[in-house]
């Protein structure tokens, strides 16, 4: 199976989305939050060209300002991680299809599926999709380790960094409130006491730059494993986008 063009198409779409996010955060949102900050603090009057977005932002009051900023930061984290998870699944499936032997020798196939399949390729594709769905429950660290061991994808981001990224995202998505049970007068009550938040903007910067670093290594390692070379024009364009993203979000390893 030649999965290279499908891999390139998926990667191209993903990298364009990431590049747009990086550009928006650095250019569009920086301006928007600056305008909002000035407006809330009444230090000066904004006199630039109004757009619908800027006009709406200027109407946000001091009470809503922190919520607006926090919502944007948390949304960026969730969106970026979703792209990472999507591309990781696409890469895993592509690698299985490129090298069906990597699925292992102990794969079981139901007789009904075997009889209803039109070709061996259809069977391999079905198994690859099933295995990819199963790996989606492994967590980022486990999936990266499997890519490294089974497919020889080179990867330099540490396990601690992978765990940190997963924990931050999972806390935002799954642990929206911290609660506790209390008893009183023979009744048990559950009270939501706090909401998990990202309060440090440097933490958001670190998360996004780490996600981009992971995606870069996944793309480069995956394209090598699939056998892509510079003779593919789209591959060269993808590498150019990766360089643009790296400039927008340079990653610095935590000590």
Protein backbone atom coordinates (compact mmCIF):
# COMPACT_ATOMS: atom_id res chain seq x y z
CA UNK A 1 0.00 0.00 0.00
CA UNK A 2 1.27 3.45 -0.90
CA UNK A 3 0.10 5.69 1.94
CA UNK A 4 2.48 8.57 1.26
CA UNK A 5 0.11 10.89 -0.57
CA UNK A 6 -2.66 10.40 1.98
CA UNK A 7 -0.17 11.14 4.76
CA UNK A 8 0.99 14.30 2.97
CA UNK A 9 -2.56 15.51 2.47
CA UNK A 10 -3.46 15.02 6.14
CA UNK A 11 -0.24 16.64 7.32
CA UNK A 12 -0.66 19.61 4.99
CA UNK A 13 -4.11 20.40 6.39
CA UNK A 14 -2.89 20.06 9.96
CA UNK A 15 0.19 22.21 9.49
CA UNK A 16 -1.80 24.97 7.85
CA UNK A 17 -4.20 24.97 10.81
CA UNK A 18 -1.30 25.19 13.25
CA UNK A 19 0.32 27.99 11.30
CA UNK A 20 -2.94 29.94 11.34
CA UNK A 21 -3.29 29.42 15.10
CA UNK A 22 0.27 30.63 15.70
CA UNK A 23 -0.28 33.68 13.49
CA UNK A 24 -3.58 34.49 15.15
CA UNK A 25 -2.18 34.24 18.64
CA UNK A 26 0.87 36.37 17.86
CA UNK A 27 -0.79 38.99 15.67
CA UNK A 28 -4.58 39.00 15.94
CA UNK A 29 -5.09 38.09 19.56
CA UNK A 30 -2.17 40.13 20.84
CA UNK A 31 -3.78 43.23 19.35
CA UNK A 32 -7.24 42.29 20.60
CA UNK A 33 -6.14 41.65 24.18
CA UNK A 34 -4.01 44.81 24.15
CA UNK A 35 -7.03 46.84 23.03
CA UNK A 36 -9.22 45.21 25.64
CA UNK A 37 -6.64 45.72 28.35
CA UNK A 38 -6.30 49.40 27.56
CA UNK A 39 -10.06 49.83 27.38
CA UNK A 40 -10.67 48.12 30.72
CA UNK A 41 -7.95 50.03 32.52
CA UNK A 42 -8.90 53.35 30.89
CA UNK A 43 -5.31 54.35 30.34
CA UNK A 44 -5.93 55.67 26.86
CA UNK A 45 -8.43 55.59 24.04
CA UNK A 46 -8.08 53.15 21.17
CA UNK A 47 -8.14 55.03 17.87
CA UNK A 48 -7.30 52.30 15.35
CA UNK A 49 -9.50 50.94 12.59
CA UNK A 50 -12.57 49.23 14.00
CA UNK A 51 -13.60 45.79 12.90
CA UNK A 52 -16.57 43.84 14.19
CA UNK A 53 -14.26 41.83 16.44
CA UNK A 54 -12.48 44.88 17.85
CA UNK A 55 -15.77 46.70 18.33
CA UNK A 56 -17.19 43.74 20.27
CA UNK A 57 -14.05 43.40 22.39
CA UNK A 58 -14.15 47.08 23.37
CA UNK A 59 -17.55 46.52 24.94
CA UNK A 60 -16.20 43.95 27.38
CA UNK A 61 -16.16 45.32 30.91
CA UNK A 62 -13.60 44.86 33.70
CA UNK A 63 -15.57 41.99 35.24
CA UNK A 64 -15.50 40.00 31.99
CA UNK A 65 -11.91 40.76 31.00
CA UNK A 66 -10.19 37.98 32.95
CA UNK A 67 -12.81 35.46 31.84
CA UNK A 68 -12.30 36.47 28.22
CA UNK A 69 -8.54 36.01 28.39
CA UNK A 70 -8.76 32.73 30.31
CA UNK A 71 -11.33 31.30 27.89
CA UNK A 72 -9.07 32.07 24.93
CA UNK A 73 -6.04 30.52 26.62
CA UNK A 74 -7.85 27.34 27.63
CA UNK A 75 -9.50 26.98 24.22
CA UNK A 76 -6.12 27.26 22.52
CA UNK A 77 -4.75 24.43 24.66
CA UNK A 78 -7.70 22.13 23.98
CA UNK A 79 -7.72 22.84 20.23
CA UNK A 80 -3.96 22.35 19.87
CA UNK A 81 -4.06 19.04 21.76
CA UNK A 82 -7.00 17.86 19.64
CA UNK A 83 -4.97 18.50 16.49
CA UNK A 84 -2.06 16.61 18.00
CA UNK A 85 -4.29 13.66 18.89
CA UNK A 86 -5.84 13.63 15.40
CA UNK A 87 -2.50 13.70 13.60
CA UNK A 88 -1.07 11.05 15.90
CA UNK A 89 -3.97 8.73 15.02
CA UNK A 90 -3.54 9.43 11.30
CA UNK A 91 0.18 8.73 11.55
CA UNK A 92 -0.33 5.48 13.46
CA UNK A 93 -2.81 4.21 10.89
CA UNK A 94 -0.59 5.25 7.97
CA UNK A 95 2.41 3.46 9.45
CA UNK A 96 0.39 0.27 9.95
CA UNK A 97 -0.83 0.40 6.36
CA UNK A 98 2.65 1.13 5.07
CA UNK A 99 4.10 -1.79 7.03
CA UNK A 100 1.32 -4.31 7.82
CA UNK A 101 3.83 -6.63 9.52
CA UNK A 102 4.09 -4.04 12.33
CA UNK A 103 0.56 -5.03 13.38
CA UNK A 104 2.09 -8.18 14.84
CA UNK A 105 1.55 -11.88 14.27
CA UNK A 106 -1.11 -12.49 16.90
CA UNK A 107 -3.92 -10.39 15.35
CA UNK A 108 -7.28 -12.17 15.43
CA UNK A 109 -9.85 -11.80 12.64
CA UNK A 110 -13.47 -12.89 12.87
CA UNK A 111 -14.44 -15.45 10.23
CA UNK A 112 -17.41 -13.34 9.10
CA UNK A 113 -15.14 -10.38 8.42
CA UNK A 114 -12.69 -12.58 6.59
CA UNK A 115 -15.40 -14.00 4.33
CA UNK A 116 -16.99 -10.63 3.59
CA UNK A 117 -13.76 -8.79 2.72
CA UNK A 118 -12.99 -8.21 -0.92
CA UNK A 119 -9.20 -8.23 -0.54
CA UNK A 120 -6.33 -8.62 1.89
CA UNK A 121 -5.87 -4.84 1.75
CA UNK A 122 -9.39 -4.34 3.12
CA UNK A 123 -8.64 -6.72 5.99
CA UNK A 124 -5.36 -4.96 6.81
CA UNK A 125 -7.09 -1.56 6.71
CA UNK A 126 -9.81 -2.76 9.09
CA UNK A 127 -7.23 -4.14 11.53
CA UNK A 128 -5.15 -0.94 11.32
CA UNK A 129 -8.16 1.24 12.14
CA UNK A 130 -9.12 -1.01 15.04
CA UNK A 131 -5.60 -1.01 16.44
CA UNK A 132 -5.38 2.78 16.13
CA UNK A 133 -8.66 3.22 18.05
CA UNK A 134 -7.35 0.94 20.79
CA UNK A 135 -4.12 2.93 21.07
CA UNK A 136 -6.12 6.11 21.47
CA UNK A 137 -6.69 5.01 25.08
CA UNK A 138 -2.99 4.56 25.83
CA UNK A 139 -2.18 8.18 26.55
CA UNK A 140 0.36 10.37 24.82
CA UNK A 141 3.40 8.84 26.54
CA UNK A 142 2.43 5.26 25.68
CA UNK A 143 1.63 6.05 22.06
CA UNK A 144 4.91 7.87 21.51
CA UNK A 145 6.83 5.00 23.12
CA UNK A 146 5.15 2.52 20.77
CA UNK A 147 6.03 4.62 17.73
CA UNK A 148 9.63 4.75 18.87
CA UNK A 149 9.94 1.03 19.60
CA UNK A 150 7.87 -0.46 16.78
CA UNK A 151 8.36 2.06 13.96
CA UNK A 152 11.76 3.51 14.95
CA UNK A 153 10.46 7.10 14.90
CA UNK A 154 13.11 9.29 16.51
CA UNK A 155 11.80 11.43 19.30
CA UNK A 156 13.56 13.77 21.74
CA UNK A 157 10.74 15.18 23.89
CA UNK A 158 11.00 13.60 27.34
CA UNK A 159 8.41 11.41 29.07
CA UNK A 160 8.03 14.06 31.77
CA UNK A 161 7.09 16.67 29.16
CA UNK A 162 4.59 14.32 27.51
CA UNK A 163 2.97 13.58 30.89
CA UNK A 164 2.80 17.29 31.74
CA UNK A 165 1.05 18.12 28.45
CA UNK A 166 -1.46 15.28 28.89
CA UNK A 167 -2.19 16.18 32.52
CA UNK A 168 -2.77 19.86 31.72
CA UNK A 169 -5.16 19.10 28.90
CA UNK A 170 -7.01 16.39 30.85
CA UNK A 171 -7.49 18.67 33.85
CA UNK A 172 -9.12 21.28 31.64
CA UNK A 173 -11.37 18.84 29.79
CA UNK A 174 -12.32 16.29 32.43
CA UNK A 175 -11.86 18.01 35.78
CA UNK A 176 -13.89 21.14 35.25
CA UNK A 177 -14.71 21.37 38.94
CA UNK A 178 -13.14 20.21 42.15
CA UNK A 179 -15.80 18.95 44.48
CA UNK A 180 -16.17 17.46 47.91
CA UNK A 181 -18.79 15.51 49.82
CA UNK A 182 -20.11 16.86 53.11
CA UNK A 183 -22.41 15.32 55.66
CA UNK A 184 -24.81 17.18 57.86
CA UNK A 185 -28.06 16.41 59.62
CA UNK A 186 -28.06 12.91 58.20
CA UNK A 187 -27.69 14.07 54.59
CA UNK A 188 -24.79 13.88 52.17
CA UNK A 189 -24.19 16.85 49.94
CA UNK A 190 -21.81 17.31 47.04
CA UNK A 191 -20.46 20.80 46.60
CA UNK A 192 -18.42 22.16 43.70
CA UNK A 193 -15.75 24.21 45.40
CA UNK A 194 -13.52 25.41 42.60
CA UNK A 195 -12.88 25.21 38.88
CA UNK A 196 -9.57 24.04 37.44
CA UNK A 197 -8.01 26.83 35.39
CA UNK A 198 -4.88 27.78 33.56
CA UNK A 199 -3.77 30.86 35.46
CA UNK A 200 -0.23 31.25 34.18
CA UNK A 201 0.03 32.61 30.64
CA UNK A 202 3.63 31.39 30.40
CA UNK A 203 2.19 27.92 30.95
CA UNK A 204 0.04 28.33 27.85
CA UNK A 205 3.06 29.44 25.82
CA UNK A 206 4.99 26.41 27.04
CA UNK A 207 2.13 24.03 26.23
CA UNK A 208 1.59 25.28 22.68
CA UNK A 209 5.28 25.35 21.82
CA UNK A 210 5.62 21.80 23.20
CA UNK A 211 2.67 20.57 21.10
CA UNK A 212 4.24 22.10 17.99
CA UNK A 213 7.59 20.49 18.83
CA UNK A 214 5.90 17.08 19.21
CA UNK A 215 4.04 17.48 15.92
CA UNK A 216 7.23 18.47 14.14
CA UNK A 217 9.03 15.36 15.32
CA UNK A 218 6.02 13.19 14.52
CA UNK A 219 5.87 14.55 10.98
CA UNK A 220 9.59 14.31 10.30
CA UNK A 221 9.88 10.85 11.85
CA UNK A 222 6.70 9.61 10.22
CA UNK A 223 7.61 10.86 6.76
CA UNK A 224 11.00 9.15 7.06
CA UNK A 225 9.40 5.87 8.12
CA UNK A 226 6.92 6.04 5.24
CA UNK A 227 9.71 6.78 2.76
CA UNK A 228 9.02 10.38 1.76
CA UNK A 229 11.79 12.37 0.13
CA UNK A 230 12.38 15.83 -1.28
CA UNK A 231 11.09 14.69 -4.68
CA UNK A 232 7.58 15.18 -3.26
CA UNK A 233 6.80 18.91 -3.71
CA UNK A 234 4.16 18.79 -0.97
CA UNK A 235 6.73 17.36 1.43
CA UNK A 236 9.00 20.34 0.83
CA UNK A 237 6.06 22.71 1.39
CA UNK A 238 5.17 20.96 4.63
CA UNK A 239 8.74 21.34 5.89
CA UNK A 240 8.59 25.05 5.09
CA UNK A 241 5.41 25.35 7.18
CA UNK A 242 7.12 23.51 10.02
CA UNK A 243 9.93 26.07 9.95
CA UNK A 244 7.38 28.89 10.05
CA UNK A 245 5.67 27.34 13.07
CA UNK A 246 9.01 26.82 14.82
CA UNK A 247 9.75 30.54 14.44
CA UNK A 248 6.32 31.46 15.76
CA UNK A 249 6.52 29.13 18.75
CA UNK A 250 10.16 28.31 19.60
CA UNK A 251 10.35 25.49 22.10
CA UNK A 252 12.71 25.59 25.07
CA UNK A 253 13.20 22.41 27.01
CA UNK A 254 12.37 22.63 30.70
CA UNK A 255 15.32 22.00 33.02
